[in-house]
């Protein structure tokens, strides 16, 4: 994995663990699209899609407020062509992986979040 992607993965985890919303959002493009089963549940929409950075801000802010003890531990980072998949575990032992695709500016433009049962 490239050093840039390693640094991205570390900074992404640290931003979440610091509950620093602006730092978290700094990783994402203005036109980001995130799809997640948690979004489906929270938004009451089976598509589970959050579109745009403004909507992502609201979604992440609500998640941080709901889980003030939220912590992530990076387990693996897999890189692809223009993409990165981060496998991590939450402080309460839930396992997750997020496939992130990057735009030409190096910002996350698309995310597909998955969670172990």
N, C-alpha and C. Protein backbone atom coordinates (compact mmCIF):
# COMPACT_ATOMS: atom_id res chain seq x y z
N UNK A 1 0.84 -1.18 0.00
CA UNK A 1 0.00 0.00 0.00
C UNK A 1 0.88 1.23 0.00
N UNK A 2 0.44 2.24 -0.71
CA UNK A 2 1.25 3.45 -0.77
C UNK A 2 1.26 4.17 0.57
N UNK A 3 2.31 4.94 0.79
CA UNK A 3 2.42 5.70 2.02
C UNK A 3 1.24 6.65 2.17
N UNK A 4 0.79 7.26 1.06
CA UNK A 4 -0.34 8.18 1.12
C UNK A 4 -1.59 7.47 1.64
N UNK A 5 -1.83 6.27 1.18
CA UNK A 5 -3.02 5.54 1.62
C UNK A 5 -2.86 5.09 3.08
N UNK A 6 -1.66 4.74 3.47
CA UNK A 6 -1.41 4.40 4.87
C UNK A 6 -1.68 5.60 5.76
N UNK A 7 -1.20 6.77 5.33
CA UNK A 7 -1.43 8.00 6.09
C UNK A 7 -2.91 8.34 6.12
N UNK A 8 -3.59 8.15 4.99
CA UNK A 8 -5.04 8.40 4.94
C UNK A 8 -5.76 7.51 5.95
N UNK A 9 -5.46 6.22 5.94
CA UNK A 9 -6.13 5.26 6.84
C UNK A 9 -5.91 5.66 8.30
N UNK A 10 -4.69 6.01 8.64
CA UNK A 10 -4.38 6.39 10.03
C UNK A 10 -5.10 7.67 10.41
N UNK A 11 -5.08 8.65 9.52
CA UNK A 11 -5.73 9.92 9.83
C UNK A 11 -7.24 9.75 9.93
N UNK A 12 -7.83 8.92 9.09
CA UNK A 12 -9.28 8.66 9.12
C UNK A 12 -9.68 8.06 10.47
N UNK A 13 -8.92 7.06 10.92
CA UNK A 13 -9.20 6.42 12.22
C UNK A 13 -9.02 7.44 13.35
N UNK A 14 -7.93 8.19 13.33
CA UNK A 14 -7.67 9.17 14.39
C UNK A 14 -8.74 10.25 14.43
N UNK A 15 -9.21 10.69 13.27
CA UNK A 15 -10.26 11.72 13.22
C UNK A 15 -11.54 11.21 13.87
N UNK A 16 -11.92 9.97 13.55
CA UNK A 16 -13.11 9.40 14.18
C UNK A 16 -12.91 9.24 15.69
N UNK A 17 -11.76 8.76 16.10
CA UNK A 17 -11.52 8.55 17.53
C UNK A 17 -11.47 9.86 18.31
N UNK A 18 -11.11 10.94 17.64
CA UNK A 18 -11.09 12.27 18.26
C UNK A 18 -12.48 12.91 18.23
N UNK A 19 -13.41 12.28 17.51
CA UNK A 19 -14.76 12.84 17.32
C UNK A 19 -14.68 14.25 16.73
N UNK A 20 -13.71 14.44 15.83
CA UNK A 20 -13.47 15.74 15.20
C UNK A 20 -14.19 15.75 13.85
N UNK A 21 -15.41 16.29 13.86
CA UNK A 21 -16.26 16.24 12.67
C UNK A 21 -15.61 16.90 11.47
N UNK A 22 -14.98 18.05 11.65
CA UNK A 22 -14.35 18.74 10.52
C UNK A 22 -13.20 17.92 9.95
N UNK A 23 -12.43 17.32 10.81
CA UNK A 23 -11.31 16.47 10.35
C UNK A 23 -11.84 15.25 9.63
N UNK A 24 -12.90 14.65 10.14
CA UNK A 24 -13.52 13.50 9.46
C UNK A 24 -13.96 13.92 8.06
N UNK A 25 -14.70 15.03 7.98
CA UNK A 25 -15.25 15.48 6.71
C UNK A 25 -14.18 15.91 5.71
N UNK A 26 -12.99 16.27 6.20
CA UNK A 26 -11.92 16.71 5.30
C UNK A 26 -11.50 15.62 4.32
N UNK A 27 -11.87 14.39 4.59
CA UNK A 27 -11.50 13.28 3.73
C UNK A 27 -12.45 13.10 2.53
N UNK A 28 -13.58 13.80 2.55
CA UNK A 28 -14.65 13.52 1.60
C UNK A 28 -14.85 14.65 0.59
N UNK A 29 -15.24 14.27 -0.63
CA UNK A 29 -15.56 15.22 -1.69
C UNK A 29 -16.92 15.85 -1.45
N UNK A 30 -17.15 17.00 -2.05
CA UNK A 30 -18.44 17.69 -1.91
C UNK A 30 -19.59 16.83 -2.43
N UNK A 31 -19.34 16.04 -3.46
CA UNK A 31 -20.40 15.23 -4.08
C UNK A 31 -20.35 13.77 -3.64
N UNK A 32 -19.81 13.51 -2.48
CA UNK A 32 -19.67 12.14 -1.96
C UNK A 32 -21.03 11.44 -1.90
N UNK A 33 -20.98 10.13 -2.11
CA UNK A 33 -22.16 9.27 -1.96
C UNK A 33 -21.75 8.14 -1.03
N UNK A 34 -22.47 8.00 0.08
CA UNK A 34 -22.20 6.95 1.06
C UNK A 34 -23.43 6.05 1.12
N UNK A 35 -23.19 4.74 1.07
CA UNK A 35 -24.27 3.76 1.21
C UNK A 35 -23.92 2.85 2.38
N UNK A 36 -24.90 2.68 3.29
CA UNK A 36 -24.64 1.94 4.51
C UNK A 36 -25.94 1.38 5.09
N UNK A 37 -25.88 0.17 5.64
CA UNK A 37 -27.07 -0.34 6.32
C UNK A 37 -27.44 0.48 7.55
N UNK A 38 -26.46 1.11 8.18
CA UNK A 38 -26.78 1.98 9.32
C UNK A 38 -27.53 3.21 8.83
N UNK A 39 -27.12 3.75 7.68
CA UNK A 39 -27.84 4.89 7.10
C UNK A 39 -29.27 4.48 6.75
N UNK A 40 -29.45 3.28 6.23
CA UNK A 40 -30.80 2.80 5.91
C UNK A 40 -31.68 2.82 7.16
N UNK A 41 -31.14 2.35 8.25
CA UNK A 41 -31.89 2.29 9.50
C UNK A 41 -32.14 3.70 10.06
N UNK A 42 -31.10 4.51 10.14
CA UNK A 42 -31.24 5.85 10.73
C UNK A 42 -32.13 6.77 9.89
N UNK A 43 -32.03 6.63 8.57
CA UNK A 43 -32.78 7.51 7.69
C UNK A 43 -34.17 6.97 7.35
N UNK A 44 -34.42 5.71 7.72
CA UNK A 44 -35.70 5.10 7.38
C UNK A 44 -35.87 4.91 5.89
N UNK A 45 -34.77 4.71 5.18
CA UNK A 45 -34.78 4.56 3.73
C UNK A 45 -34.00 3.30 3.38
N UNK A 46 -34.64 2.30 2.80
CA UNK A 46 -33.94 1.04 2.53
C UNK A 46 -32.74 1.16 1.59
N UNK A 47 -32.65 2.26 0.83
CA UNK A 47 -31.48 2.45 -0.04
C UNK A 47 -30.24 2.79 0.78
N UNK A 48 -30.42 3.37 1.96
CA UNK A 48 -29.29 3.67 2.85
C UNK A 48 -28.25 4.57 2.26
N UNK A 49 -28.66 5.55 1.46
CA UNK A 49 -27.71 6.39 0.75
C UNK A 49 -27.75 7.83 1.26
N UNK A 50 -26.56 8.35 1.52
CA UNK A 50 -26.38 9.75 1.91
C UNK A 50 -25.64 10.41 0.75
N UNK A 51 -26.20 11.49 0.23
CA UNK A 51 -25.62 12.17 -0.94
C UNK A 51 -25.17 13.57 -0.59
N UNK A 52 -23.91 13.86 -0.85
CA UNK A 52 -23.36 15.20 -0.66
C UNK A 52 -22.77 15.40 0.72
N UNK A 53 -21.78 16.28 0.76
CA UNK A 53 -21.04 16.52 1.99
C UNK A 53 -21.91 17.15 3.08
N UNK A 54 -22.85 18.01 2.70
CA UNK A 54 -23.72 18.64 3.70
C UNK A 54 -24.58 17.59 4.40
N UNK A 55 -25.13 16.68 3.63
CA UNK A 55 -25.94 15.60 4.21
C UNK A 55 -25.07 14.66 5.02
N UNK A 56 -23.85 14.43 4.55
CA UNK A 56 -22.92 13.56 5.28
C UNK A 56 -22.56 14.19 6.62
N UNK A 57 -22.39 15.51 6.64
CA UNK A 57 -22.11 16.22 7.89
C UNK A 57 -23.22 15.94 8.91
N UNK A 58 -24.45 16.11 8.49
CA UNK A 58 -25.59 15.87 9.40
C UNK A 58 -25.62 14.42 9.86
N UNK A 59 -25.39 13.50 8.95
CA UNK A 59 -25.43 12.07 9.26
C UNK A 59 -24.33 11.70 10.27
N UNK A 60 -23.11 12.15 10.00
CA UNK A 60 -21.99 11.86 10.91
C UNK A 60 -22.18 12.55 12.26
N UNK A 61 -22.66 13.79 12.26
CA UNK A 61 -22.87 14.51 13.52
C UNK A 61 -23.88 13.77 14.39
N UNK A 62 -24.95 13.28 13.79
CA UNK A 62 -25.95 12.52 14.54
C UNK A 62 -25.35 11.23 15.09
N UNK A 63 -24.52 10.57 14.29
CA UNK A 63 -23.87 9.33 14.75
C UNK A 63 -22.92 9.57 15.91
N UNK A 64 -22.14 10.62 15.83
CA UNK A 64 -21.22 10.95 16.92
C UNK A 64 -21.99 11.32 18.19
N UNK A 65 -23.09 12.04 18.04
CA UNK A 65 -23.89 12.42 19.20
C UNK A 65 -24.53 11.19 19.85
N UNK A 66 -24.94 10.24 19.02
CA UNK A 66 -25.59 9.03 19.54
C UNK A 66 -24.61 8.08 20.21
N UNK A 67 -23.34 8.16 19.81
CA UNK A 67 -22.32 7.24 20.34
C UNK A 67 -21.11 8.02 20.85
N UNK A 68 -21.23 8.71 21.98
CA UNK A 68 -20.12 9.51 22.48
C UNK A 68 -18.88 8.69 22.84
N UNK A 69 -19.04 7.38 22.99
CA UNK A 69 -17.91 6.51 23.31
C UNK A 69 -17.35 5.81 22.07
N UNK A 70 -17.79 6.21 20.89
CA UNK A 70 -17.38 5.56 19.64
C UNK A 70 -15.87 5.61 19.45
N UNK A 71 -15.27 4.45 19.19
CA UNK A 71 -13.83 4.32 18.92
C UNK A 71 -13.65 3.27 17.85
N UNK A 72 -12.70 3.49 16.97
CA UNK A 72 -12.37 2.53 15.92
C UNK A 72 -10.94 2.05 16.10
N UNK A 73 -10.71 0.78 15.77
CA UNK A 73 -9.35 0.22 15.72
C UNK A 73 -9.17 -0.36 14.33
N UNK A 74 -8.20 0.15 13.60
CA UNK A 74 -7.92 -0.33 12.25
C UNK A 74 -7.38 -1.74 12.31
N UNK A 75 -7.95 -2.63 11.55
CA UNK A 75 -7.49 -4.02 11.48
C UNK A 75 -6.71 -4.29 10.20
N UNK A 76 -7.20 -3.76 9.10
CA UNK A 76 -6.52 -3.96 7.81
C UNK A 76 -6.88 -2.82 6.88
N UNK A 77 -5.96 -2.51 6.00
CA UNK A 77 -6.22 -1.56 4.92
C UNK A 77 -5.82 -2.25 3.62
N UNK A 78 -6.76 -2.36 2.71
CA UNK A 78 -6.51 -3.00 1.41
C UNK A 78 -6.62 -1.91 0.35
N UNK A 79 -5.60 -1.80 -0.50
CA UNK A 79 -5.67 -0.76 -1.52
C UNK A 79 -5.95 -1.35 -2.89
N UNK A 80 -6.60 -0.54 -3.70
CA UNK A 80 -6.90 -0.92 -5.07
C UNK A 80 -6.55 0.24 -5.98
N UNK A 81 -7.02 0.18 -7.19
CA UNK A 81 -6.79 1.27 -8.13
C UNK A 81 -7.82 2.36 -7.81
N UNK A 82 -7.35 3.45 -7.26
CA UNK A 82 -8.24 4.55 -6.91
C UNK A 82 -9.18 4.24 -5.77
N UNK A 83 -8.84 3.23 -4.98
CA UNK A 83 -9.74 2.84 -3.89
C UNK A 83 -8.95 2.32 -2.70
N UNK A 84 -9.66 2.24 -1.59
CA UNK A 84 -9.09 1.74 -0.35
C UNK A 84 -10.22 1.08 0.44
N UNK A 85 -9.97 -0.08 1.01
CA UNK A 85 -10.95 -0.72 1.86
C UNK A 85 -10.36 -0.81 3.26
N UNK A 86 -11.04 -0.16 4.21
CA UNK A 86 -10.58 -0.16 5.59
C UNK A 86 -11.44 -1.14 6.39
N UNK A 87 -10.79 -2.12 6.99
CA UNK A 87 -11.45 -3.04 7.90
C UNK A 87 -11.10 -2.60 9.30
N UNK A 88 -12.13 -2.41 10.12
CA UNK A 88 -11.90 -1.92 11.47
C UNK A 88 -12.89 -2.55 12.43
N UNK A 89 -12.62 -2.34 13.71
CA UNK A 89 -13.48 -2.85 14.77
C UNK A 89 -13.84 -1.68 15.67
N UNK A 90 -15.08 -1.69 16.15
CA UNK A 90 -15.51 -0.65 17.07
C UNK A 90 -15.15 -1.07 18.49
N UNK A 91 -15.20 -0.12 19.39
CA UNK A 91 -14.85 -0.38 20.78
C UNK A 91 -15.69 -1.46 21.43
N UNK A 92 -16.91 -1.66 20.93
CA UNK A 92 -17.76 -2.71 21.49
C UNK A 92 -17.66 -4.02 20.72
N UNK A 93 -16.66 -4.13 19.85
CA UNK A 93 -16.38 -5.40 19.18
C UNK A 93 -17.07 -5.62 17.85
N UNK A 94 -17.83 -4.65 17.36
CA UNK A 94 -18.46 -4.82 16.04
C UNK A 94 -17.40 -4.66 14.96
N UNK A 95 -17.49 -5.52 13.94
CA UNK A 95 -16.55 -5.46 12.82
C UNK A 95 -17.19 -4.80 11.62
N UNK A 96 -16.39 -3.99 10.92
CA UNK A 96 -16.89 -3.24 9.77
C UNK A 96 -15.81 -3.13 8.72
N UNK A 97 -16.23 -2.84 7.49
CA UNK A 97 -15.30 -2.55 6.41
C UNK A 97 -15.95 -1.49 5.53
N UNK A 98 -15.14 -0.55 5.09
CA UNK A 98 -15.64 0.50 4.20
C UNK A 98 -14.77 0.54 2.96
N UNK A 99 -15.42 0.37 1.81
CA UNK A 99 -14.75 0.52 0.53
C UNK A 99 -14.90 1.97 0.10
N UNK A 100 -13.77 2.64 -0.09
CA UNK A 100 -13.77 4.05 -0.46
C UNK A 100 -13.13 4.20 -1.83
N UNK A 101 -13.81 4.95 -2.70
CA UNK A 101 -13.26 5.30 -4.00
C UNK A 101 -12.88 6.77 -3.97
N UNK A 102 -11.76 7.09 -4.59
CA UNK A 102 -11.22 8.45 -4.55
C UNK A 102 -11.37 9.15 -5.90
N UNK A 103 -11.60 10.47 -5.84
CA UNK A 103 -11.62 11.27 -7.06
C UNK A 103 -10.18 11.69 -7.40
N UNK A 104 -10.03 12.45 -8.46
CA UNK A 104 -8.69 12.87 -8.90
C UNK A 104 -8.00 13.79 -7.90
N UNK A 105 -8.78 14.43 -7.02
CA UNK A 105 -8.20 15.32 -6.01
C UNK A 105 -7.78 14.56 -4.75
N UNK A 106 -8.00 13.23 -4.74
CA UNK A 106 -7.62 12.43 -3.58
C UNK A 106 -8.66 12.43 -2.47
N UNK A 107 -9.87 12.89 -2.78
CA UNK A 107 -10.96 12.91 -1.81
C UNK A 107 -11.84 11.68 -2.02
N UNK A 108 -12.47 11.22 -0.95
CA UNK A 108 -13.39 10.09 -1.06
C UNK A 108 -14.64 10.57 -1.76
N UNK A 109 -14.97 9.90 -2.87
CA UNK A 109 -16.16 10.30 -3.64
C UNK A 109 -17.30 9.29 -3.48
N UNK A 110 -16.96 8.06 -3.09
CA UNK A 110 -17.98 7.03 -2.92
C UNK A 110 -17.54 6.10 -1.80
N UNK A 111 -18.51 5.72 -0.94
CA UNK A 111 -18.26 4.82 0.16
C UNK A 111 -19.35 3.77 0.19
N UNK A 112 -18.94 2.52 0.36
CA UNK A 112 -19.88 1.44 0.63
C UNK A 112 -19.44 0.83 1.96
N UNK A 113 -20.29 1.01 2.97
CA UNK A 113 -19.98 0.51 4.31
C UNK A 113 -20.68 -0.83 4.54
N UNK A 114 -19.94 -1.75 5.16
CA UNK A 114 -20.49 -3.08 5.46
C UNK A 114 -20.15 -3.43 6.90
N UNK A 115 -21.00 -4.29 7.48
CA UNK A 115 -20.84 -4.65 8.89
C UNK A 115 -21.05 -6.14 9.06
N UNK A 116 -20.25 -6.75 9.92
CA UNK A 116 -20.41 -8.18 10.22
C UNK A 116 -21.67 -8.36 11.06
N UNK A 117 -22.31 -9.50 10.88
CA UNK A 117 -23.53 -9.79 11.64
C UNK A 117 -23.22 -10.02 13.08
